[in-house]
Amino acid sequence: MTVGQAVGERLMRIGEVARGAGVSVRAVRYYEQQGLLIAERSPSGQRLYRQDAIPRVRFFQQMFAAGLTSRKITELLPCWDSGHTDAEQRAMLRTERERLQAKVEDLQAALDRLDEVIAITDTHP
């Protein structure tokens, strides 16, 4: 058993994590290189990941899709892991949330405009 591994916890190979999270093996390696994900090694050197790797990778994907950098995601990880933050982390979280909310509003406005165009074109064959 390794440090941090619960007794009896089954470790997963990199391909299992990739399939479970819906990403490529290359993406999982990238997350590891960026320090976002930690792999243990089997005696033969294969990467092995804890069960929480799949939801973590999904979280990374969501944050990247939202425009966060790997550095920002790294700053979020202590919040994700412990559920606790300091004042600086909370300020960063609120700033990111405000940025994302503005993005959502912009996307909603674009969607509304597309709906208008669709409605107009539906009435003219």
N, C-alpha and C. Protein backbone atom coordinates (compact mmCIF):
# COMPACT_ATOMS: atom_id res chain seq x y z
N MET A 1 0.85 -1.18 0.00
CA MET A 1 0.00 0.00 0.00
C MET A 1 0.90 1.24 0.00
N THR A 2 0.48 2.27 -0.71
CA THR A 2 1.26 3.50 -0.79
C THR A 2 0.62 4.57 0.09
N VAL A 3 1.36 5.63 0.31
CA VAL A 3 0.85 6.74 1.10
C VAL A 3 -0.39 7.31 0.42
N GLY A 4 -1.44 7.54 1.20
CA GLY A 4 -2.65 8.14 0.64
C GLY A 4 -3.62 7.14 0.05
N GLN A 5 -3.21 5.91 -0.11
CA GLN A 5 -4.09 4.89 -0.69
C GLN A 5 -4.86 4.20 0.43
N ALA A 6 -6.17 4.18 0.32
CA ALA A 6 -6.99 3.52 1.32
C ALA A 6 -6.79 2.01 1.23
N VAL A 7 -6.94 1.34 2.35
CA VAL A 7 -6.81 -0.11 2.38
C VAL A 7 -7.84 -0.71 1.45
N GLY A 8 -7.41 -1.56 0.56
CA GLY A 8 -8.30 -2.24 -0.36
C GLY A 8 -8.75 -1.42 -1.55
N GLU A 9 -8.28 -0.20 -1.65
CA GLU A 9 -8.67 0.63 -2.79
C GLU A 9 -8.02 0.10 -4.05
N ARG A 10 -8.86 -0.12 -5.07
CA ARG A 10 -8.35 -0.60 -6.35
C ARG A 10 -7.81 0.57 -7.15
N LEU A 11 -6.60 0.43 -7.62
CA LEU A 11 -6.00 1.46 -8.45
C LEU A 11 -6.31 1.15 -9.91
N MET A 12 -6.38 2.20 -10.71
CA MET A 12 -6.73 2.05 -12.12
C MET A 12 -5.54 2.40 -12.99
N ARG A 13 -5.49 1.74 -14.13
CA ARG A 13 -4.48 2.07 -15.12
C ARG A 13 -4.91 3.31 -15.89
N ILE A 14 -3.97 3.88 -16.58
CA ILE A 14 -4.21 5.14 -17.29
C ILE A 14 -5.34 5.02 -18.31
N GLY A 15 -5.43 3.89 -19.01
CA GLY A 15 -6.49 3.70 -20.00
C GLY A 15 -7.86 3.68 -19.37
N GLU A 16 -7.97 3.10 -18.17
CA GLU A 16 -9.26 3.07 -17.47
C GLU A 16 -9.69 4.48 -17.08
N VAL A 17 -8.74 5.27 -16.62
CA VAL A 17 -9.06 6.65 -16.24
C VAL A 17 -9.51 7.42 -17.48
N ALA A 18 -8.77 7.28 -18.55
CA ALA A 18 -9.10 8.00 -19.79
C ALA A 18 -10.49 7.62 -20.28
N ARG A 19 -10.79 6.32 -20.34
CA ARG A 19 -12.11 5.87 -20.80
C ARG A 19 -13.21 6.37 -19.85
N GLY A 20 -12.98 6.23 -18.57
CA GLY A 20 -13.98 6.64 -17.58
C GLY A 20 -14.29 8.12 -17.61
N ALA A 21 -13.29 8.92 -17.94
CA ALA A 21 -13.46 10.37 -17.96
C ALA A 21 -13.80 10.89 -19.36
N GLY A 22 -13.69 10.02 -20.36
CA GLY A 22 -14.00 10.43 -21.72
C GLY A 22 -12.94 11.31 -22.35
N VAL A 23 -11.68 11.06 -21.99
CA VAL A 23 -10.57 11.83 -22.56
C VAL A 23 -9.54 10.85 -23.12
N SER A 24 -8.54 11.40 -23.77
CA SER A 24 -7.47 10.56 -24.30
C SER A 24 -6.45 10.24 -23.21
N VAL A 25 -5.69 9.20 -23.44
CA VAL A 25 -4.59 8.85 -22.54
C VAL A 25 -3.60 10.01 -22.50
N ARG A 26 -3.41 10.64 -23.65
CA ARG A 26 -2.49 11.78 -23.73
C ARG A 26 -2.94 12.90 -22.79
N ALA A 27 -4.26 13.14 -22.71
CA ALA A 27 -4.78 14.18 -21.81
C ALA A 27 -4.47 13.84 -20.35
N VAL A 28 -4.63 12.58 -19.98
CA VAL A 28 -4.33 12.16 -18.61
C VAL A 28 -2.85 12.39 -18.31
N ARG A 29 -1.99 12.04 -19.26
CA ARG A 29 -0.55 12.29 -19.07
C ARG A 29 -0.26 13.78 -18.92
N TYR A 30 -0.94 14.59 -19.72
CA TYR A 30 -0.77 16.04 -19.64
C TYR A 30 -1.14 16.54 -18.25
N TYR A 31 -2.27 16.09 -17.73
CA TYR A 31 -2.69 16.52 -16.40
C TYR A 31 -1.66 16.13 -15.35
N GLU A 32 -1.07 14.97 -15.53
CA GLU A 32 -0.02 14.55 -14.61
C GLU A 32 1.21 15.45 -14.74
N GLN A 33 1.60 15.75 -15.97
CA GLN A 33 2.76 16.62 -16.19
C GLN A 33 2.54 18.01 -15.60
N GLN A 34 1.30 18.48 -15.63
CA GLN A 34 0.97 19.80 -15.09
C GLN A 34 0.84 19.79 -13.57
N GLY A 35 0.96 18.62 -12.96
CA GLY A 35 0.85 18.52 -11.51
C GLY A 35 -0.59 18.48 -11.01
N LEU A 36 -1.53 18.29 -11.93
CA LEU A 36 -2.94 18.25 -11.55
C LEU A 36 -3.38 16.87 -11.06
N LEU A 37 -2.68 15.86 -11.48
CA LEU A 37 -3.05 14.48 -11.19
C LEU A 37 -1.79 13.74 -10.77
N ILE A 38 -1.90 12.91 -9.78
CA ILE A 38 -0.74 12.16 -9.29
C ILE A 38 -0.93 10.68 -9.58
N ALA A 39 0.08 10.10 -10.20
CA ALA A 39 0.05 8.66 -10.47
C ALA A 39 1.02 7.97 -9.55
N GLU A 40 0.63 6.80 -9.13
CA GLU A 40 1.56 5.93 -8.44
C GLU A 40 2.11 5.01 -9.51
N ARG A 41 3.12 4.25 -9.18
CA ARG A 41 3.72 3.35 -10.15
C ARG A 41 3.65 1.92 -9.65
N SER A 42 3.33 1.04 -10.58
CA SER A 42 3.34 -0.39 -10.26
C SER A 42 4.80 -0.84 -10.23
N PRO A 43 5.07 -2.03 -9.73
CA PRO A 43 6.44 -2.52 -9.75
C PRO A 43 7.05 -2.54 -11.16
N SER A 44 6.19 -2.69 -12.18
CA SER A 44 6.69 -2.70 -13.56
C SER A 44 6.73 -1.29 -14.18
N GLY A 45 6.36 -0.27 -13.39
CA GLY A 45 6.45 1.10 -13.86
C GLY A 45 5.18 1.67 -14.48
N GLN A 46 4.11 0.90 -14.51
CA GLN A 46 2.86 1.41 -15.08
C GLN A 46 2.24 2.45 -14.16
N ARG A 47 1.63 3.47 -14.77
CA ARG A 47 0.93 4.49 -14.00
C ARG A 47 -0.34 3.87 -13.41
N LEU A 48 -0.58 4.16 -12.14
CA LEU A 48 -1.78 3.69 -11.46
C LEU A 48 -2.41 4.88 -10.74
N TYR A 49 -3.73 4.99 -10.87
CA TYR A 49 -4.45 6.13 -10.32
C TYR A 49 -5.51 5.68 -9.35
N ARG A 50 -5.78 6.53 -8.37
CA ARG A 50 -6.83 6.26 -7.40
C ARG A 50 -8.20 6.42 -8.07
N GLN A 51 -9.23 5.93 -7.40
CA GLN A 51 -10.59 5.97 -7.94
C GLN A 51 -11.09 7.39 -8.17
N ASP A 52 -10.57 8.35 -7.40
CA ASP A 52 -11.04 9.73 -7.57
C ASP A 52 -10.44 10.41 -8.80
N ALA A 53 -9.60 9.71 -9.55
CA ALA A 53 -8.98 10.31 -10.74
C ALA A 53 -10.03 10.65 -11.81
N ILE A 54 -11.03 9.81 -11.98
CA ILE A 54 -12.03 10.06 -13.02
C ILE A 54 -12.82 11.35 -12.75
N PRO A 55 -13.41 11.54 -11.57
CA PRO A 55 -14.10 12.82 -11.35
C PRO A 55 -13.15 14.02 -11.38
N ARG A 56 -11.91 13.83 -10.98
CA ARG A 56 -10.95 14.93 -11.05
C ARG A 56 -10.68 15.32 -12.50
N VAL A 57 -10.48 14.32 -13.36
CA VAL A 57 -10.22 14.61 -14.77
C VAL A 57 -11.44 15.29 -15.39
N ARG A 58 -12.63 14.84 -15.04
CA ARG A 58 -13.84 15.50 -15.55
C ARG A 58 -13.89 16.95 -15.09
N PHE A 59 -13.51 17.20 -13.84
CA PHE A 59 -13.44 18.56 -13.31
C PHE A 59 -12.44 19.38 -14.12
N PHE A 60 -11.27 18.81 -14.39
CA PHE A 60 -10.26 19.53 -15.19
C PHE A 60 -10.83 19.90 -16.55
N GLN A 61 -11.50 18.95 -17.17
CA GLN A 61 -12.08 19.18 -18.50
C GLN A 61 -13.08 20.35 -18.45
N GLN A 62 -13.93 20.34 -17.43
CA GLN A 62 -14.91 21.42 -17.30
C GLN A 62 -14.22 22.77 -17.10
N MET A 63 -13.21 22.79 -16.27
CA MET A 63 -12.52 24.05 -16.00
C MET A 63 -11.76 24.55 -17.23
N PHE A 64 -11.12 23.63 -17.97
CA PHE A 64 -10.44 24.03 -19.21
C PHE A 64 -11.46 24.56 -20.21
N ALA A 65 -12.59 23.88 -20.33
CA ALA A 65 -13.64 24.32 -21.26
C ALA A 65 -14.17 25.70 -20.87
N ALA A 66 -14.14 26.01 -19.59
CA ALA A 66 -14.60 27.30 -19.10
C ALA A 66 -13.54 28.39 -19.25
N GLY A 67 -12.35 28.00 -19.71
CA GLY A 67 -11.31 29.00 -19.97
C GLY A 67 -10.27 29.14 -18.88
N LEU A 68 -10.29 28.29 -17.88
CA LEU A 68 -9.26 28.37 -16.84
C LEU A 68 -7.96 27.75 -17.33
N THR A 69 -6.86 28.26 -16.86
CA THR A 69 -5.55 27.71 -17.20
C THR A 69 -5.22 26.59 -16.21
N SER A 70 -4.21 25.80 -16.54
CA SER A 70 -3.79 24.74 -15.62
C SER A 70 -3.29 25.36 -14.31
N ARG A 71 -2.71 26.55 -14.39
CA ARG A 71 -2.25 27.22 -13.16
C ARG A 71 -3.43 27.56 -12.26
N LYS A 72 -4.50 28.09 -12.85
CA LYS A 72 -5.70 28.41 -12.06
C LYS A 72 -6.33 27.15 -11.48
N ILE A 73 -6.35 26.10 -12.28
CA ILE A 73 -6.92 24.83 -11.79
C ILE A 73 -6.09 24.32 -10.62
N THR A 74 -4.78 24.46 -10.71
CA THR A 74 -3.89 24.05 -9.62
C THR A 74 -4.24 24.83 -8.35
N GLU A 75 -4.56 26.11 -8.51
CA GLU A 75 -4.94 26.93 -7.36
C GLU A 75 -6.28 26.47 -6.77
N LEU A 76 -7.15 25.90 -7.60
CA LEU A 76 -8.45 25.43 -7.14
C LEU A 76 -8.37 24.09 -6.39
N LEU A 77 -7.35 23.30 -6.70
CA LEU A 77 -7.30 21.94 -6.15
C LEU A 77 -7.34 21.87 -4.62
N PRO A 78 -6.63 22.74 -3.90
CA PRO A 78 -6.77 22.65 -2.44
C PRO A 78 -8.21 22.87 -1.98
N CYS A 79 -8.94 23.73 -2.67
CA CYS A 79 -10.35 23.95 -2.33
C CYS A 79 -11.15 22.69 -2.59
N TRP A 80 -10.89 22.05 -3.73
CA TRP A 80 -11.58 20.81 -4.11
C TRP A 80 -11.26 19.71 -3.11
N ASP A 81 -9.98 19.60 -2.75
CA ASP A 81 -9.54 18.50 -1.89
C ASP A 81 -10.00 18.64 -0.44
N SER A 82 -9.89 19.85 0.10
CA SER A 82 -10.17 20.01 1.52
C SER A 82 -11.54 20.61 1.81
N GLY A 83 -12.09 21.33 0.85
CA GLY A 83 -13.35 22.02 1.10
C GLY A 83 -13.16 23.31 1.87
N HIS A 84 -11.91 23.66 2.15
CA HIS A 84 -11.61 24.88 2.89
C HIS A 84 -10.82 25.83 2.01
N THR A 85 -11.01 27.11 2.26
CA THR A 85 -10.29 28.13 1.51
C THR A 85 -9.85 29.25 2.44
N ASP A 86 -8.86 29.99 1.97
CA ASP A 86 -8.51 31.21 2.68
C ASP A 86 -9.12 32.38 1.92
N ALA A 87 -8.95 33.58 2.42
CA ALA A 87 -9.59 34.76 1.81
C ALA A 87 -9.13 34.96 0.37
N GLU A 88 -7.85 34.75 0.11
CA GLU A 88 -7.32 34.93 -1.25
C GLU A 88 -7.93 33.91 -2.22
N GLN A 89 -8.05 32.66 -1.79
CA GLN A 89 -8.64 31.62 -2.64
C GLN A 89 -10.12 31.93 -2.90
N ARG A 90 -10.83 32.38 -1.88
CA ARG A 90 -12.25 32.71 -2.07
C ARG A 90 -12.41 33.87 -3.05
N ALA A 91 -11.53 34.84 -2.96
CA ALA A 91 -11.58 35.97 -3.91
C ALA A 91 -11.33 35.47 -5.33
N MET A 92 -10.36 34.58 -5.49
CA MET A 92 -10.07 34.02 -6.82
C MET A 92 -11.27 33.22 -7.33
N LEU A 93 -11.89 32.43 -6.46
CA LEU A 93 -13.06 31.65 -6.87
C LEU A 93 -14.20 32.57 -7.30
N ARG A 94 -14.42 33.62 -6.56
CA ARG A 94 -15.49 34.56 -6.92
C ARG A 94 -15.19 35.27 -8.23
N THR A 95 -13.93 35.65 -8.44
CA THR A 95 -13.54 36.30 -9.69
C THR A 95 -13.78 35.37 -10.87
N GLU A 96 -13.38 34.10 -10.73
CA GLU A 96 -13.59 33.13 -11.81
C GLU A 96 -15.08 32.91 -12.05
N ARG A 97 -15.85 32.87 -10.97
CA ARG A 97 -17.29 32.68 -11.12
C ARG A 97 -17.92 33.85 -11.87
N GLU A 98 -17.51 35.06 -11.52
CA GLU A 98 -18.04 36.24 -12.21
C GLU A 98 -17.66 36.23 -13.69
N ARG A 99 -16.43 35.83 -13.98
CA ARG A 99 -15.99 35.74 -15.38
C ARG A 99 -16.84 34.72 -16.13
N LEU A 100 -17.07 33.57 -15.52
CA LEU A 100 -17.88 32.53 -16.16
C LEU A 100 -19.33 32.98 -16.31
N GLN A 101 -19.87 33.67 -15.31
CA GLN A 101 -21.25 34.15 -15.41
C GLN A 101 -21.39 35.11 -16.58
N ALA A 102 -20.42 35.99 -16.76
CA ALA A 102 -20.45 36.92 -17.90
C ALA A 102 -20.40 36.15 -19.22
N LYS A 103 -19.60 35.10 -19.25
CA LYS A 103 -19.49 34.27 -20.45
C LYS A 103 -20.84 33.57 -20.74
N VAL A 104 -21.47 33.07 -19.70
CA VAL A 104 -22.78 32.41 -19.85
C VAL A 104 -23.79 33.41 -20.39
N GLU A 105 -23.78 34.63 -19.87
CA GLU A 105 -24.71 35.65 -20.33
C GLU A 105 -24.46 36.00 -21.80
N ASP A 106 -23.19 36.10 -22.18
CA ASP A 106 -22.86 36.37 -23.59
C ASP A 106 -23.34 35.22 -24.48
N LEU A 107 -23.13 34.00 -24.04
CA LEU A 107 -23.57 32.84 -24.82
C LEU A 107 -25.09 32.79 -24.90
N GLN A 108 -25.76 33.12 -23.80
CA GLN A 108 -27.23 33.14 -23.82
C GLN A 108 -27.74 34.19 -24.79
N ALA A 109 -27.10 35.35 -24.83
CA ALA A 109 -27.51 36.40 -25.76
C ALA A 109 -27.32 35.92 -27.20
N ALA A 110 -26.20 35.25 -27.47
CA ALA A 110 -25.97 34.72 -28.82
C ALA A 110 -27.01 33.66 -29.17
N LEU A 111 -27.34 32.80 -28.21
CA LEU A 111 -28.36 31.78 -28.43
C LEU A 111 -29.72 32.42 -28.72
N ASP A 112 -30.05 33.46 -27.97
CA ASP A 112 -31.32 34.17 -28.20
C ASP A 112 -31.37 34.76 -29.61
N ARG A 113 -30.27 35.34 -30.06
CA ARG A 113 -30.21 35.91 -31.41
C ARG A 113 -30.37 34.82 -32.47
N LEU A 114 -29.72 33.69 -32.26
CA LEU A 114 -29.86 32.57 -33.21
C LEU A 114 -31.31 32.09 -33.25
N ASP A 115 -31.95 32.03 -32.10
CA ASP A 115 -33.36 31.64 -32.06
C ASP A 115 -34.22 32.61 -32.86
N GLU A 116 -33.89 33.90 -32.77
CA GLU A 116 -34.64 34.90 -33.55
C GLU A 116 -34.46 34.65 -35.05
N VAL A 117 -33.24 34.41 -35.46
CA VAL A 117 -32.96 34.15 -36.89
C VAL A 117 -33.68 32.89 -37.35
N ILE A 118 -33.63 31.86 -36.54
CA ILE A 118 -34.31 30.60 -36.87
C ILE A 118 -35.81 30.84 -37.01
N ALA A 119 -36.39 31.60 -36.08
CA ALA A 119 -37.83 31.89 -36.13
C ALA A 119 -38.19 32.66 -37.40
N ILE A 120 -37.34 33.61 -37.77
CA ILE A 120 -37.59 34.38 -39.01
C ILE A 120 -37.49 33.47 -40.22
N THR A 121 -36.46 32.67 -40.28
CA THR A 121 -36.27 31.81 -41.46
C THR A 121 -37.29 30.70 -41.54
N ASP A 122 -37.83 30.28 -40.39
CA ASP A 122 -38.88 29.24 -40.41
C ASP A 122 -40.16 29.74 -41.06
N THR A 123 -40.38 31.06 -41.03
CA THR A 123 -41.60 31.60 -41.64
C THR A 123 -41.44 31.92 -43.11
N HIS A 124 -40.22 31.81 -43.63
CA HIS A 124 -39.94 32.08 -45.05
C HIS A 124 -39.27 30.87 -45.66
N PRO A 125 -40.03 30.09 -46.43
CA PRO A 125 -39.44 28.87 -47.01
C PRO A 125 -38.32 29.13 -48.02
